[in-house]
């Protein structure tokens, strides 16, 4: 049973038009005859911490559908960060449906366990492949920008991990009496950071 369809639309910049994708996704959801909830943001796909994506994940219920136009709208993350996002989706009991990946549509109404298992394996492989392609495409673009900046004499400063906060996350998690959301709030970090630290 589908509880709700949660539409996620992301554009990297305010100049990019998310409305076209949203209209198509609304039509897709309407054909399923189920209420949909929309989450729209202008944010890079290379970061796990995205306000609307976090809101979607926090509000989701077991059996809901996460509907996106394409895998690269959901992720241009590194492999490790994409693993964290997939785990968060799994923990919430969400089913990922990608509009331009028809094999994912079949999971909507399939009740046969064997069919579901086969589709799950196929879809996971395809989604991982497409996420990797999106990441590589983004890395190539970043490399071209970096080369251009180096030629112009620009030098970037790196960001260091907060070791103390990472240690505190692990301490609270090992105590075993707090949820990941509660740990994030207690330490003052995003939920994605908690997932990342605890999966290292």
C-alpha atoms as a PDB file:
ATOM      1  CA  UNK A   1       0.000   0.000   0.000  1.00  0.00           C
ATOM      2  CA  UNK A   2       1.288   3.462  -0.958  1.00  0.00           C
ATOM      3  CA  UNK A   3       1.073   5.879   1.964  1.00  0.00           C
ATOM      4  CA  UNK A   4       2.127   9.018   0.053  1.00  0.00           C
ATOM      5  CA  UNK A   5       4.203  10.067  -2.925  1.00  0.00           C
ATOM      6  CA  UNK A   6       6.920  12.516  -1.951  1.00  0.00           C
ATOM      7  CA  UNK A   7       8.137  14.421  -5.021  1.00  0.00           C
ATOM      8  CA  UNK A   8      11.697  15.737  -4.785  1.00  0.00           C
ATOM      9  CA  UNK A   9      12.796  18.366  -7.311  1.00  0.00           C
ATOM     10  CA  UNK A  10      16.272  19.884  -7.223  1.00  0.00           C
ATOM     11  CA  UNK A  11      17.963  22.466  -9.400  1.00  0.00           C
ATOM     12  CA  UNK A  12      21.553  23.535  -8.812  1.00  0.00           C
ATOM     13  CA  UNK A  13      20.962  27.245  -9.358  1.00  0.00           C
ATOM     14  CA  UNK A  14      18.022  29.642  -9.229  1.00  0.00           C
ATOM     15  CA  UNK A  15      18.458  30.196 -12.957  1.00  0.00           C
ATOM     16  CA  UNK A  16      17.643  26.548 -13.683  1.00  0.00           C
ATOM     17  CA  UNK A  17      13.954  25.779 -14.157  1.00  0.00           C
ATOM     18  CA  UNK A  18      12.638  23.124 -11.786  1.00  0.00           C
ATOM     19  CA  UNK A  19       9.017  23.782 -12.780  1.00  0.00           C
ATOM     20  CA  UNK A  20       9.124  21.672 -15.964  1.00  0.00           C
ATOM     21  CA  UNK A  21      10.231  18.588 -14.044  1.00  0.00           C
ATOM     22  CA  UNK A  22       7.690  19.309 -11.304  1.00  0.00           C
ATOM     23  CA  UNK A  23       4.786  19.415 -13.781  1.00  0.00           C
ATOM     24  CA  UNK A  24       5.820  16.044 -15.245  1.00  0.00           C
ATOM     25  CA  UNK A  25       6.195  14.476 -11.799  1.00  0.00           C
ATOM     26  CA  UNK A  26       2.806  15.816 -10.688  1.00  0.00           C
ATOM     27  CA  UNK A  27       1.207  14.146 -13.722  1.00  0.00           C
ATOM     28  CA  UNK A  28       3.047  10.898 -12.942  1.00  0.00           C
ATOM     29  CA  UNK A  29       1.812  10.958  -9.330  1.00  0.00           C
ATOM     30  CA  UNK A  30      -1.741  11.858 -10.397  1.00  0.00           C
ATOM     31  CA  UNK A  31      -1.872   8.752 -12.627  1.00  0.00           C
ATOM     32  CA  UNK A  32      -1.246   6.631  -9.535  1.00  0.00           C
ATOM     33  CA  UNK A  33      -4.279   8.173  -7.866  1.00  0.00           C
ATOM     34  CA  UNK A  34      -2.377   9.001  -4.702  1.00  0.00           C
ATOM     35  CA  UNK A  35      -1.782  12.267  -2.861  1.00  0.00           C
ATOM     36  CA  UNK A  36       1.625  13.821  -3.426  1.00  0.00           C
ATOM     37  CA  UNK A  37       3.758  16.131  -1.301  1.00  0.00           C
ATOM     38  CA  UNK A  38       6.341  18.369  -2.990  1.00  0.00           C
ATOM     39  CA  UNK A  39       9.847  19.272  -1.884  1.00  0.00           C
ATOM     40  CA  UNK A  40      11.619  21.796  -4.125  1.00  0.00           C
ATOM     41  CA  UNK A  41      15.042  23.336  -3.647  1.00  0.00           C
ATOM     42  CA  UNK A  42      17.907  25.054  -5.387  1.00  0.00           C
ATOM     43  CA  UNK A  43      20.917  23.246  -4.010  1.00  0.00           C
ATOM     44  CA  UNK A  44      23.920  21.332  -5.270  1.00  0.00           C
ATOM     45  CA  UNK A  45      23.525  17.570  -5.617  1.00  0.00           C
ATOM     46  CA  UNK A  46      27.078  17.069  -4.328  1.00  0.00           C
ATOM     47  CA  UNK A  47      26.076  17.768  -0.702  1.00  0.00           C
ATOM     48  CA  UNK A  48      24.191  15.431   1.624  1.00  0.00           C
ATOM     49  CA  UNK A  49      22.948  18.284   3.788  1.00  0.00           C
ATOM     50  CA  UNK A  50      20.045  19.746   1.797  1.00  0.00           C
ATOM     51  CA  UNK A  51      17.175  21.410   3.703  1.00  0.00           C
ATOM     52  CA  UNK A  52      14.286  20.078   1.602  1.00  0.00           C
ATOM     53  CA  UNK A  53      15.770  16.592   1.184  1.00  0.00           C
ATOM     54  CA  UNK A  54      16.282  16.403   4.950  1.00  0.00           C
ATOM     55  CA  UNK A  55      12.697  17.583   5.496  1.00  0.00           C
ATOM     56  CA  UNK A  56      11.416  14.904   3.097  1.00  0.00           C
ATOM     57  CA  UNK A  57      13.359  12.172   4.887  1.00  0.00           C
ATOM     58  CA  UNK A  58      12.255  13.390   8.322  1.00  0.00           C
ATOM     59  CA  UNK A  59       8.568  13.475   7.334  1.00  0.00           C
ATOM     60  CA  UNK A  60       8.512  10.164   5.430  1.00  0.00           C
ATOM     61  CA  UNK A  61       6.654   7.099   6.618  1.00  0.00           C
ATOM     62  CA  UNK A  62       7.156   3.401   5.907  1.00  0.00           C
ATOM     63  CA  UNK A  63       5.813   2.555   2.433  1.00  0.00           C
ATOM     64  CA  UNK A  64       5.971   6.096   1.034  1.00  0.00           C
ATOM     65  CA  UNK A  65       7.391   6.647  -2.443  1.00  0.00           C
ATOM     66  CA  UNK A  66      10.276   9.033  -3.110  1.00  0.00           C
ATOM     67  CA  UNK A  67       9.704  10.230  -6.688  1.00  0.00           C
ATOM     68  CA  UNK A  68      12.462  11.983  -8.635  1.00  0.00           C
ATOM     69  CA  UNK A  69      12.865  12.876 -12.296  1.00  0.00           C
ATOM     70  CA  UNK A  70      16.313  11.296 -12.660  1.00  0.00           C
ATOM     71  CA  UNK A  71      19.055   9.906 -10.433  1.00  0.00           C
ATOM     72  CA  UNK A  72      21.269  12.976 -10.892  1.00  0.00           C
ATOM     73  CA  UNK A  73      18.506  15.175  -9.409  1.00  0.00           C
ATOM     74  CA  UNK A  74      18.824  13.114  -6.234  1.00  0.00           C
ATOM     75  CA  UNK A  75      22.574  12.606  -6.193  1.00  0.00           C
ATOM     76  CA  UNK A  76      25.878  13.773  -7.547  1.00  0.00           C
ATOM     77  CA  UNK A  77      27.414  12.539  -4.305  1.00  0.00           C
ATOM     78  CA  UNK A  78      30.628  10.646  -3.718  1.00  0.00           C
ATOM     79  CA  UNK A  79      30.199   6.882  -3.436  1.00  0.00           C
ATOM     80  CA  UNK A  80      30.470   7.009   0.372  1.00  0.00           C
ATOM     81  CA  UNK A  81      27.933   9.822   0.710  1.00  0.00           C
ATOM     82  CA  UNK A  82      25.541   8.128  -1.719  1.00  0.00           C
ATOM     83  CA  UNK A  83      25.761   4.991   0.448  1.00  0.00           C
ATOM     84  CA  UNK A  84      24.762   7.139   3.438  1.00  0.00           C
ATOM     85  CA  UNK A  85      21.795   8.605   1.521  1.00  0.00           C
ATOM     86  CA  UNK A  86      20.645   5.155   0.376  1.00  0.00           C
ATOM     87  CA  UNK A  87      20.827   3.915   3.974  1.00  0.00           C
ATOM     88  CA  UNK A  88      18.721   6.856   5.165  1.00  0.00           C
ATOM     89  CA  UNK A  89      16.135   6.111   2.462  1.00  0.00           C
ATOM     90  CA  UNK A  90      16.122   2.437   3.467  1.00  0.00           C
ATOM     91  CA  UNK A  91      15.853   3.260   7.190  1.00  0.00           C
ATOM     92  CA  UNK A  92      12.733   5.330   6.488  1.00  0.00           C
ATOM     93  CA  UNK A  93      11.158   2.508   4.470  1.00  0.00           C
ATOM     94  CA  UNK A  94      10.897   4.663   1.340  1.00  0.00           C
ATOM     95  CA  UNK A  95      10.610   3.183  -2.147  1.00  0.00           C
ATOM     96  CA  UNK A  96      12.643   5.120  -4.725  1.00  0.00           C
ATOM     97  CA  UNK A  97      10.929   5.662  -8.077  1.00  0.00           C
ATOM     98  CA  UNK A  98      12.862   7.411 -10.849  1.00  0.00           C
ATOM     99  CA  UNK A  99      10.653   8.789 -13.616  1.00  0.00           C
ATOM    100  CA  UNK A 100      13.179   8.224 -16.414  1.00  0.00           C
ATOM    101  CA  UNK A 101      14.075   4.715 -15.157  1.00  0.00           C
ATOM    102  CA  UNK A 102      11.021   2.525 -16.008  1.00  0.00           C
ATOM    103  CA  UNK A 103      12.217  -0.536 -14.071  1.00  0.00           C
ATOM    104  CA  UNK A 104      11.688   1.431 -10.845  1.00  0.00           C
ATOM    105  CA  UNK A 105       8.011   2.014 -11.718  1.00  0.00           C
ATOM    106  CA  UNK A 106       7.233  -1.678 -11.318  1.00  0.00           C
ATOM    107  CA  UNK A 107       7.889  -1.594  -7.557  1.00  0.00           C
ATOM    108  CA  UNK A 108       4.839   0.618  -7.057  1.00  0.00           C
ATOM    109  CA  UNK A 109       2.185  -2.084  -7.319  1.00  0.00           C
ATOM    110  CA  UNK A 110       4.148  -5.346  -7.273  1.00  0.00           C
ATOM    111  CA  UNK A 111       3.180  -7.576  -4.354  1.00  0.00           C
ATOM    112  CA  UNK A 112       4.956 -10.788  -5.416  1.00  0.00           C
ATOM    113  CA  UNK A 113       8.005 -11.216  -3.156  1.00  0.00           C
ATOM    114  CA  UNK A 114      10.241 -12.917  -5.770  1.00  0.00           C
ATOM    115  CA  UNK A 115       9.460 -10.281  -8.409  1.00  0.00           C
ATOM    116  CA  UNK A 116      10.089  -7.562  -5.842  1.00  0.00           C
ATOM    117  CA  UNK A 117      13.438  -9.071  -4.873  1.00  0.00           C
ATOM    118  CA  UNK A 118      14.600  -9.350  -8.507  1.00  0.00           C
ATOM    119  CA  UNK A 119      13.454  -5.802  -9.294  1.00  0.00           C
ATOM    120  CA  UNK A 120      15.181  -4.508  -6.181  1.00  0.00           C
ATOM    121  CA  UNK A 121      18.529  -6.007  -7.262  1.00  0.00           C
ATOM    122  CA  UNK A 122      18.189  -4.702 -10.841  1.00  0.00           C
ATOM    123  CA  UNK A 123      17.093  -1.239  -9.717  1.00  0.00           C
ATOM    124  CA  UNK A 124      19.856  -0.928  -7.128  1.00  0.00           C
ATOM    125  CA  UNK A 125      22.463  -1.772  -9.766  1.00  0.00           C
ATOM    126  CA  UNK A 126      21.027   0.704 -12.283  1.00  0.00           C
ATOM    127  CA  UNK A 127      20.643   3.466  -9.698  1.00  0.00           C
ATOM    128  CA  UNK A 128      24.222   2.937  -8.461  1.00  0.00           C
ATOM    129  CA  UNK A 129      25.492   3.059 -12.047  1.00  0.00           C
ATOM    130  CA  UNK A 130      23.570   6.249 -12.859  1.00  0.00           C
ATOM    131  CA  UNK A 131      24.661   7.876  -9.589  1.00  0.00           C
ATOM    132  CA  UNK A 132      28.284   7.037 -10.406  1.00  0.00           C
ATOM    133  CA  UNK A 133      27.907   8.525 -13.887  1.00  0.00           C
ATOM    134  CA  UNK A 134      26.372  11.692 -12.410  1.00  0.00           C
ATOM    135  CA  UNK A 135      29.234  11.970  -9.921  1.00  0.00           C
ATOM    136  CA  UNK A 136      31.907  11.432 -12.586  1.00  0.00           C
ATOM    137  CA  UNK A 137      30.279  14.025 -14.825  1.00  0.00           C
ATOM    138  CA  UNK A 138      30.311  16.482 -11.935  1.00  0.00           C
ATOM    139  CA  UNK A 139      33.943  15.679 -11.073  1.00  0.00           C
ATOM    140  CA  UNK A 140      35.016  16.310 -14.673  1.00  0.00           C
ATOM    141  CA  UNK A 141      33.261  19.670 -14.601  1.00  0.00           C
ATOM    142  CA  UNK A 142      34.892  20.565 -11.259  1.00  0.00           C
ATOM    143  CA  UNK A 143      38.303  19.530 -12.587  1.00  0.00           C
ATOM    144  CA  UNK A 144      37.896  21.824 -15.599  1.00  0.00           C
ATOM    145  CA  UNK A 145      36.912  24.693 -13.276  1.00  0.00           C
ATOM    146  CA  UNK A 146      39.857  23.930 -10.964  1.00  0.00           C
ATOM    147  CA  UNK A 147      42.290  23.931 -13.877  1.00  0.00           C
ATOM    148  CA  UNK A 148      40.904  27.273 -15.030  1.00  0.00           C
ATOM    149  CA  UNK A 149      41.262  28.736 -11.527  1.00  0.00           C
ATOM    150  CA  UNK A 150      44.833  27.414 -11.203  1.00  0.00           C
ATOM    151  CA  UNK A 151      45.766  29.058 -14.488  1.00  0.00           C
ATOM    152  CA  UNK A 152      44.371  32.314 -13.104  1.00  0.00           C
ATOM    153  CA  UNK A 153      46.477  31.961  -9.913  1.00  0.00           C
ATOM    154  CA  UNK A 154      43.582  31.269  -7.486  1.00  0.00           C
ATOM    155  CA  UNK A 155      44.314  29.028  -4.463  1.00  0.00           C
ATOM    156  CA  UNK A 156      41.502  27.342  -2.519  1.00  0.00           C
ATOM    157  CA  UNK A 157      41.552  26.621   1.238  1.00  0.00           C
ATOM    158  CA  UNK A 158      40.537  23.133   2.429  1.00  0.00           C
ATOM    159  CA  UNK A 159      37.966  22.389   5.139  1.00  0.00           C
ATOM    160  CA  UNK A 160      39.050  20.196   8.062  1.00  0.00           C
ATOM    161  CA  UNK A 161      36.808  17.663   9.793  1.00  0.00           C
ATOM    162  CA  UNK A 162      35.725  18.502  13.353  1.00  0.00           C
ATOM    163  CA  UNK A 163      37.395  15.608  15.209  1.00  0.00           C
ATOM    164  CA  UNK A 164      35.860  16.517  18.573  1.00  0.00           C
ATOM    165  CA  UNK A 165      32.314  16.435  17.189  1.00  0.00           C
ATOM    166  CA  UNK A 166      32.984  13.148  15.394  1.00  0.00           C
ATOM    167  CA  UNK A 167      34.251  11.647  18.659  1.00  0.00           C
ATOM    168  CA  UNK A 168      31.148  12.876  20.522  1.00  0.00           C
ATOM    169  CA  UNK A 169      28.853  11.368  17.860  1.00  0.00           C
ATOM    170  CA  UNK A 170      30.504   7.972  18.326  1.00  0.00           C
ATOM    171  CA  UNK A 171      30.278   8.250  22.126  1.00  0.00           C
ATOM    172  CA  UNK A 172      26.552   9.035  22.056  1.00  0.00           C
ATOM    173  CA  UNK A 173      25.874   6.309  19.479  1.00  0.00           C
ATOM    174  CA  UNK A 174      27.729   3.685  21.517  1.00  0.00           C
ATOM    175  CA  UNK A 175      25.592   4.549  24.568  1.00  0.00           C
ATOM    176  CA  UNK A 176      22.691   3.219  22.504  1.00  0.00           C
ATOM    177  CA  UNK A 177      19.886   5.320  23.987  1.00  0.00           C
ATOM    178  CA  UNK A 178      19.595   8.082  21.353  1.00  0.00           C
ATOM    179  CA  UNK A 179      18.344   8.124  17.769  1.00  0.00           C
ATOM    180  CA  UNK A 180      20.554   9.480  15.003  1.00  0.00           C
ATOM    181  CA  UNK A 181      18.318  12.568  14.851  1.00  0.00           C
ATOM    182  CA  UNK A 182      18.763  13.174  18.593  1.00  0.00           C
ATOM    183  CA  UNK A 183      22.532  12.754  18.306  1.00  0.00           C
ATOM    184  CA  UNK A 184      22.659  15.279  15.440  1.00  0.00           C
ATOM    185  CA  UNK A 185      20.736  17.824  17.535  1.00  0.00           C
ATOM    186  CA  UNK A 186      22.859  17.205  20.653  1.00  0.00           C
ATOM    187  CA  UNK A 187      26.173  17.603  18.818  1.00  0.00           C
ATOM    188  CA  UNK A 188      24.997  20.461  16.595  1.00  0.00           C
ATOM    189  CA  UNK A 189      25.557  18.777  13.225  1.00  0.00           C
ATOM    190  CA  UNK A 190      23.391  17.638  10.326  1.00  0.00           C
ATOM    191  CA  UNK A 191      21.857  14.168  10.335  1.00  0.00           C
ATOM    192  CA  UNK A 192      23.945  13.247   7.278  1.00  0.00           C
ATOM    193  CA  UNK A 193      27.122  13.921   9.277  1.00  0.00           C
ATOM    194  CA  UNK A 194      25.971  11.452  11.956  1.00  0.00           C
ATOM    195  CA  UNK A 195      25.316   8.783   9.306  1.00  0.00           C
ATOM    196  CA  UNK A 196      28.672   9.475   7.650  1.00  0.00           C
ATOM    197  CA  UNK A 197      30.654   9.277  10.918  1.00  0.00           C
ATOM    198  CA  UNK A 198      28.933   6.088  12.038  1.00  0.00           C
ATOM    199  CA  UNK A 199      29.431   4.282   8.712  1.00  0.00           C
ATOM    200  CA  UNK A 200      33.183   4.948   8.527  1.00  0.00           C
END
